[in-house]
Amino acid sequence: MVTVDQDRCCASGQCVLVAPEVFDQREEDGIVVLLVAEPESGLLPRVREAATLCPAAAIVLEEVAS
């Protein structure tokens, strides 16, 4: 499951560049918008990368062991 903290977001847009299927930005201020809270497994590497690249640490990926 992916969560975002819009209060921490600094609108750098790195998440949208890495995983546009999962993240977007509000037009008025560039703050992150989560499109998919539970992305398919094929997108998880890019979601991890987006979380790593986020300068505000506003993205959290909680992976559940199966």
C-alpha atoms as a PDB file:
ATOM      1  CA  MET A   1       0.000   0.000   0.000  1.00  0.00           C
ATOM      2  CA  VAL A   2       1.224   3.472  -0.877  1.00  0.00           C
ATOM      3  CA  THR A   3       0.497   6.564   1.181  1.00  0.00           C
ATOM      4  CA  VAL A   4       1.511  10.168   0.641  1.00  0.00           C
ATOM      5  CA  ASP A   5       1.771  13.043   3.078  1.00  0.00           C
ATOM      6  CA  GLN A   6       0.616  16.097   1.151  1.00  0.00           C
ATOM      7  CA  ASP A   7       1.681  18.350   4.029  1.00  0.00           C
ATOM      8  CA  ARG A   8       5.303  17.208   3.610  1.00  0.00           C
ATOM      9  CA  CYS A   9       5.317  17.336  -0.193  1.00  0.00           C
ATOM     10  CA  CYS A  10       7.557  20.031  -1.670  1.00  0.00           C
ATOM     11  CA  ALA A  11       6.188  19.627  -5.234  1.00  0.00           C
ATOM     12  CA  SER A  12       9.444  18.499  -6.842  1.00  0.00           C
ATOM     13  CA  GLY A  13       7.552  16.166  -9.182  1.00  0.00           C
ATOM     14  CA  GLN A  14      10.090  13.334  -9.078  1.00  0.00           C
ATOM     15  CA  CYS A  15       7.352  10.834  -8.225  1.00  0.00           C
ATOM     16  CA  VAL A  16       5.332  11.766 -11.302  1.00  0.00           C
ATOM     17  CA  LEU A  17       8.370  11.431 -13.552  1.00  0.00           C
ATOM     18  CA  VAL A  18       9.174   7.957 -12.194  1.00  0.00           C
ATOM     19  CA  ALA A  19       5.662   6.513 -11.764  1.00  0.00           C
ATOM     20  CA  PRO A  20       2.989   8.565 -13.544  1.00  0.00           C
ATOM     21  CA  GLU A  21       0.541   5.662 -13.287  1.00  0.00           C
ATOM     22  CA  VAL A  22       0.604   6.017  -9.491  1.00  0.00           C
ATOM     23  CA  PHE A  23       1.269   9.712  -8.827  1.00  0.00           C
ATOM     24  CA  ASP A  24       0.095  13.039 -10.205  1.00  0.00           C
ATOM     25  CA  GLN A  25       0.360  16.658  -9.075  1.00  0.00           C
ATOM     26  CA  ARG A  26      -2.299  19.248  -8.325  1.00  0.00           C
ATOM     27  CA  GLU A  27      -2.315  21.922 -10.992  1.00  0.00           C
ATOM     28  CA  GLU A  28      -2.570  24.837  -8.583  1.00  0.00           C
ATOM     29  CA  ASP A  29       0.493  24.063  -6.451  1.00  0.00           C
ATOM     30  CA  GLY A  30       2.198  20.881  -7.665  1.00  0.00           C
ATOM     31  CA  ILE A  31       1.459  18.902  -4.512  1.00  0.00           C
ATOM     32  CA  VAL A  32       1.421  15.127  -4.989  1.00  0.00           C
ATOM     33  CA  VAL A  33      -1.845  13.323  -5.670  1.00  0.00           C
ATOM     34  CA  LEU A  34      -1.982   9.564  -5.155  1.00  0.00           C
ATOM     35  CA  LEU A  35      -3.797   7.890  -8.044  1.00  0.00           C
ATOM     36  CA  VAL A  36      -3.392   4.243  -6.985  1.00  0.00           C
ATOM     37  CA  ALA A  37      -2.974   3.229  -3.338  1.00  0.00           C
ATOM     38  CA  GLU A  38      -2.387  -0.425  -4.207  1.00  0.00           C
ATOM     39  CA  PRO A  39      -0.427  -0.551  -7.469  1.00  0.00           C
ATOM     40  CA  GLU A  40       0.115  -3.813  -9.304  1.00  0.00           C
ATOM     41  CA  SER A  41       3.328  -5.642  -8.487  1.00  0.00           C
ATOM     42  CA  GLY A  42       4.983  -4.620 -11.751  1.00  0.00           C
ATOM     43  CA  LEU A  43       4.870  -0.971 -10.666  1.00  0.00           C
ATOM     44  CA  LEU A  44       6.382  -1.526  -7.223  1.00  0.00           C
ATOM     45  CA  PRO A  45      10.023  -1.026  -8.284  1.00  0.00           C
ATOM     46  CA  ARG A  46       9.132   2.405  -9.678  1.00  0.00           C
ATOM     47  CA  VAL A  47       7.087   3.293  -6.597  1.00  0.00           C
ATOM     48  CA  ARG A  48      10.095   2.344  -4.429  1.00  0.00           C
ATOM     49  CA  GLU A  49      12.292   4.547  -6.606  1.00  0.00           C
ATOM     50  CA  ALA A  50       9.835   7.436  -6.324  1.00  0.00           C
ATOM     51  CA  ALA A  51       9.818   7.100  -2.530  1.00  0.00           C
ATOM     52  CA  THR A  52      13.625   7.067  -2.491  1.00  0.00           C
ATOM     53  CA  LEU A  53      13.909  10.108  -4.763  1.00  0.00           C
ATOM     54  CA  CYS A  54      11.306  12.174  -2.909  1.00  0.00           C
ATOM     55  CA  PRO A  55      13.266  15.025  -1.279  1.00  0.00           C
ATOM     56  CA  ALA A  56      10.541  15.550   1.333  1.00  0.00           C
ATOM     57  CA  ALA A  57      10.114  11.843   2.200  1.00  0.00           C
ATOM     58  CA  ALA A  58       6.393  12.295   1.569  1.00  0.00           C
ATOM     59  CA  ILE A  59       5.864   8.832   0.030  1.00  0.00           C
ATOM     60  CA  VAL A  60       5.612   5.637   2.059  1.00  0.00           C
ATOM     61  CA  LEU A  61       5.370   2.173   0.540  1.00  0.00           C
ATOM     62  CA  GLU A  62       4.213  -0.493   2.963  1.00  0.00           C
ATOM     63  CA  GLU A  63       4.790  -3.906   1.474  1.00  0.00           C
ATOM     64  CA  VAL A  64       2.922  -6.865   2.887  1.00  0.00           C
ATOM     65  CA  ALA A  65       4.724 -10.197   2.828  1.00  0.00           C
ATOM     66  CA  SER A  66       2.718 -12.824   1.026  1.00  0.00           C
END
